[in-house]
C-alpha atoms as a PDB file:
ATOM      1  CA  MET A   1       0.559   6.670 -26.221  1.00  0.00           C
ATOM      2  CA  GLN A   2      -2.764   5.502 -24.883  1.00  0.00           C
ATOM      3  CA  ASN A   3      -1.476   1.928 -24.726  1.00  0.00           C
ATOM      4  CA  ASP A   4       1.644   3.104 -22.765  1.00  0.00           C
ATOM      5  CA  LYS A   5      -0.605   4.590 -20.059  1.00  0.00           C
ATOM      6  CA  LYS A   6      -2.535   1.432 -19.777  1.00  0.00           C
ATOM      7  CA  TYR A   7       0.563  -0.634 -19.576  1.00  0.00           C
ATOM      8  CA  ASP A   8       2.139   1.578 -16.870  1.00  0.00           C
ATOM      9  CA  ILE A   9      -0.979   1.576 -14.864  1.00  0.00           C
ATOM     10  CA  ARG A  10      -1.310  -2.246 -15.174  1.00  0.00           C
ATOM     11  CA  ALA A  11       2.318  -2.592 -13.996  1.00  0.00           C
ATOM     12  CA  CYS A  12       1.738  -0.290 -11.046  1.00  0.00           C
ATOM     13  CA  LEU A  13      -1.450  -2.285 -10.165  1.00  0.00           C
ATOM     14  CA  LYS A  14       0.656  -5.456 -10.223  1.00  0.00           C
ATOM     15  CA  ASP A  15       3.199  -3.790  -7.902  1.00  0.00           C
ATOM     16  CA  ILE A  16       0.465  -2.934  -5.567  1.00  0.00           C
ATOM     17  CA  GLU A  17      -0.975  -6.392  -5.611  1.00  0.00           C
ATOM     18  CA  LEU A  18       2.453  -7.916  -4.944  1.00  0.00           C
ATOM     19  CA  SER A  19       3.067  -5.482  -2.067  1.00  0.00           C
ATOM     20  CA  ILE A  20      -0.259  -6.377  -0.420  1.00  0.00           C
ATOM     21  CA  ALA A  21       0.501 -10.123  -0.712  1.00  0.00           C
ATOM     22  CA  GLU A  22       3.904  -9.542   0.919  1.00  0.00           C
ATOM     23  CA  ILE A  23       2.399  -7.695   3.709  1.00  0.00           C
ATOM     24  CA  TYR A  24       0.020 -10.521   4.557  1.00  0.00           C
ATOM     25  CA  GLN A  25       2.902 -13.010   4.188  1.00  0.00           C
ATOM     26  CA  PHE A  26       5.002 -11.055   6.768  1.00  0.00           C
ATOM     27  CA  LEU A  27       2.247 -11.082   9.362  1.00  0.00           C
ATOM     28  CA  PRO A  28       1.920 -13.945  11.793  1.00  0.00           C
ATOM     29  CA  ALA A  29      -0.879 -16.401  10.986  1.00  0.00           C
ATOM     30  CA  LYS A  30      -2.845 -14.991  13.979  1.00  0.00           C
ATOM     31  CA  ARG A  31      -2.938 -11.288  13.435  1.00  0.00           C
ATOM     32  CA  ASN A  32      -2.047  -9.776  16.778  1.00  0.00           C
ATOM     33  CA  PHE A  33      -1.209  -6.178  17.355  1.00  0.00           C
ATOM     34  CA  GLN A  34       1.127  -6.797  20.279  1.00  0.00           C
ATOM     35  CA  GLU A  35       3.228  -9.298  18.264  1.00  0.00           C
ATOM     36  CA  PHE A  36       3.382  -6.866  15.418  1.00  0.00           C
ATOM     37  CA  GLN A  37       4.606  -4.089  17.850  1.00  0.00           C
ATOM     38  CA  LYS A  38       7.445  -6.377  19.052  1.00  0.00           C
ATOM     39  CA  ASP A  39       8.674  -7.423  15.630  1.00  0.00           C
ATOM     40  CA  LEU A  40      10.808  -4.644  14.267  1.00  0.00           C
ATOM     41  CA  LYS A  41      11.593  -6.525  11.040  1.00  0.00           C
ATOM     42  CA  THR A  42       7.971  -7.088  10.177  1.00  0.00           C
ATOM     43  CA  ARG A  43       7.038  -3.525  10.980  1.00  0.00           C
ATOM     44  CA  LYS A  44       9.812  -2.178   8.632  1.00  0.00           C
ATOM     45  CA  ALA A  45       8.897  -4.631   5.898  1.00  0.00           C
ATOM     46  CA  VAL A  46       5.291  -3.660   6.119  1.00  0.00           C
ATOM     47  CA  GLU A  47       6.182   0.037   6.112  1.00  0.00           C
ATOM     48  CA  ARG A  48       8.358  -0.542   3.027  1.00  0.00           C
ATOM     49  CA  ASN A  49       5.467  -2.278   1.179  1.00  0.00           C
ATOM     50  CA  ILE A  50       3.104   0.570   2.035  1.00  0.00           C
ATOM     51  CA  GLU A  51       5.665   2.940   0.601  1.00  0.00           C
ATOM     52  CA  ILE A  52       5.708   1.015  -2.604  1.00  0.00           C
ATOM     53  CA  ILE A  53       1.983   0.911  -2.787  1.00  0.00           C
ATOM     54  CA  GLY A  54       1.919   4.762  -2.332  1.00  0.00           C
ATOM     55  CA  GLU A  55       4.630   5.250  -4.956  1.00  0.00           C
ATOM     56  CA  ALA A  56       2.713   3.002  -7.434  1.00  0.00           C
ATOM     57  CA  MET A  57      -0.552   4.847  -6.662  1.00  0.00           C
ATOM     58  CA  GLY A  58       1.121   8.155  -7.405  1.00  0.00           C
ATOM     59  CA  ARG A  59       2.315   6.870 -10.693  1.00  0.00           C
ATOM     60  CA  ILE A  60      -1.116   5.737 -11.539  1.00  0.00           C
ATOM     61  CA  LEU A  61      -2.629   9.097 -10.646  1.00  0.00           C
ATOM     62  CA  LYS A  62       0.002  10.768 -12.884  1.00  0.00           C
ATOM     63  CA  ALA A  63      -1.043   8.640 -15.771  1.00  0.00           C
ATOM     64  CA  ASP A  64      -4.816   8.971 -14.990  1.00  0.00           C
ATOM     65  CA  PRO A  65      -5.780  11.446 -12.270  1.00  0.00           C
ATOM     66  CA  THR A  66      -9.245  10.031 -12.369  1.00  0.00           C
ATOM     67  CA  PHE A  67      -8.356   6.434 -11.835  1.00  0.00           C
ATOM     68  CA  PRO A  68     -11.151   5.050  -9.582  1.00  0.00           C
ATOM     69  CA  ILE A  69      -9.323   3.694  -6.449  1.00  0.00           C
ATOM     70  CA  THR A  70     -10.927   4.617  -3.063  1.00  0.00           C
ATOM     71  CA  ASP A  71      -8.849   7.139  -1.181  1.00  0.00           C
ATOM     72  CA  SER A  72      -6.050   7.053  -3.750  1.00  0.00           C
ATOM     73  CA  ARG A  73      -4.760  10.518  -2.585  1.00  0.00           C
ATOM     74  CA  LYS A  74      -4.593   9.304   0.972  1.00  0.00           C
ATOM     75  CA  ILE A  75      -2.625   6.322  -0.141  1.00  0.00           C
ATOM     76  CA  VAL A  76      -0.023   8.605  -1.698  1.00  0.00           C
ATOM     77  CA  ASP A  77      -0.105  10.881   1.343  1.00  0.00           C
ATOM     78  CA  THR A  78       0.546   7.936   3.604  1.00  0.00           C
ATOM     79  CA  ARG A  79       3.561   7.018   1.544  1.00  0.00           C
ATOM     80  CA  ASN A  80       4.905  10.556   1.957  1.00  0.00           C
ATOM     81  CA  ARG A  81       4.356  10.609   5.668  1.00  0.00           C
ATOM     82  CA  ILE A  82       6.218   7.337   6.177  1.00  0.00           C
ATOM     83  CA  ILE A  83       9.121   8.634   4.163  1.00  0.00           C
ATOM     84  CA  HIS A  84       9.277  12.163   5.192  1.00  0.00           C
ATOM     85  CA  GLY A  85       7.714  12.010   8.616  1.00  0.00           C
ATOM     86  CA  TYR A  86       9.165   8.658   9.506  1.00  0.00           C
ATOM     87  CA  ASP A  87       9.604   9.762  13.242  1.00  0.00           C
ATOM     88  CA  SER A  88       5.811  10.371  13.535  1.00  0.00           C
ATOM     89  CA  VAL A  89       4.581   7.118  11.987  1.00  0.00           C
ATOM     90  CA  SER A  90       2.694   5.203  14.648  1.00  0.00           C
ATOM     91  CA  GLU A  91       2.291   1.439  14.782  1.00  0.00           C
ATOM     92  CA  ASP A  92      -1.480   1.999  15.517  1.00  0.00           C
ATOM     93  CA  ILE A  93      -1.923   3.728  12.104  1.00  0.00           C
ATOM     94  CA  ILE A  94       0.106   0.984  10.263  1.00  0.00           C
ATOM     95  CA  TRP A  95      -1.998  -1.633  11.930  1.00  0.00           C
ATOM     96  CA  LEU A  96      -5.300   0.162  11.018  1.00  0.00           C
ATOM     97  CA  ILE A  97      -4.044   0.364   7.471  1.00  0.00           C
ATOM     98  CA  ILE A  98      -3.277  -3.392   7.434  1.00  0.00           C
ATOM     99  CA  CYS A  99      -6.614  -4.380   8.971  1.00  0.00           C
ATOM    100  CA  LYS A 100      -9.041  -1.898   7.593  1.00  0.00           C
ATOM    101  CA  TYR A 101      -7.843  -0.452   4.361  1.00  0.00           C
ATOM    102  CA  LEU A 102      -5.635  -3.098   2.720  1.00  0.00           C
ATOM    103  CA  PRO A 103      -8.553  -5.571   2.157  1.00  0.00           C
ATOM    104  CA  ILE A 104     -10.477  -2.772   0.447  1.00  0.00           C
ATOM    105  CA  LEU A 105      -7.516  -1.833  -1.823  1.00  0.00           C
ATOM    106  CA  GLU A 106      -6.870  -5.457  -2.637  1.00  0.00           C
ATOM    107  CA  LYS A 107     -10.388  -6.042  -3.821  1.00  0.00           C
ATOM    108  CA  GLU A 108     -10.365  -2.826  -5.961  1.00  0.00           C
ATOM    109  CA  ILE A 109      -7.001  -3.843  -7.489  1.00  0.00           C
ATOM    110  CA  LYS A 110      -8.134  -7.255  -8.410  1.00  0.00           C
ATOM    111  CA  LYS A 111     -11.063  -5.794 -10.279  1.00  0.00           C
ATOM    112  CA  PHE A 112      -8.598  -4.026 -12.639  1.00  0.00           C
ATOM    113  CA  LEU A 113      -6.347  -6.905 -13.056  1.00  0.00           C
END
């Protein structure tokens, strides 16, 4: 059973890694908030990948509630807010996540992979 947990966590970590990479691919070469605001497809694609990151983090926490990822609970909460409070998700918050928090998460994920 222990090996199953590790395998599930590793699969979730890979999903998070892939979602972060996709978010970066969707963004224009020069990161510009105004361009991001104007591009509905990119905003929706980024939101979807943040949902995937939050879902994967939730699964990791179910397998190991003490898994050492910074702000892991907030990551899950963000996913829930995007899905359930879709009408209150601001572009500013999504941009903050992209610029400030994704690089931190990316570094932590790479340590475990």
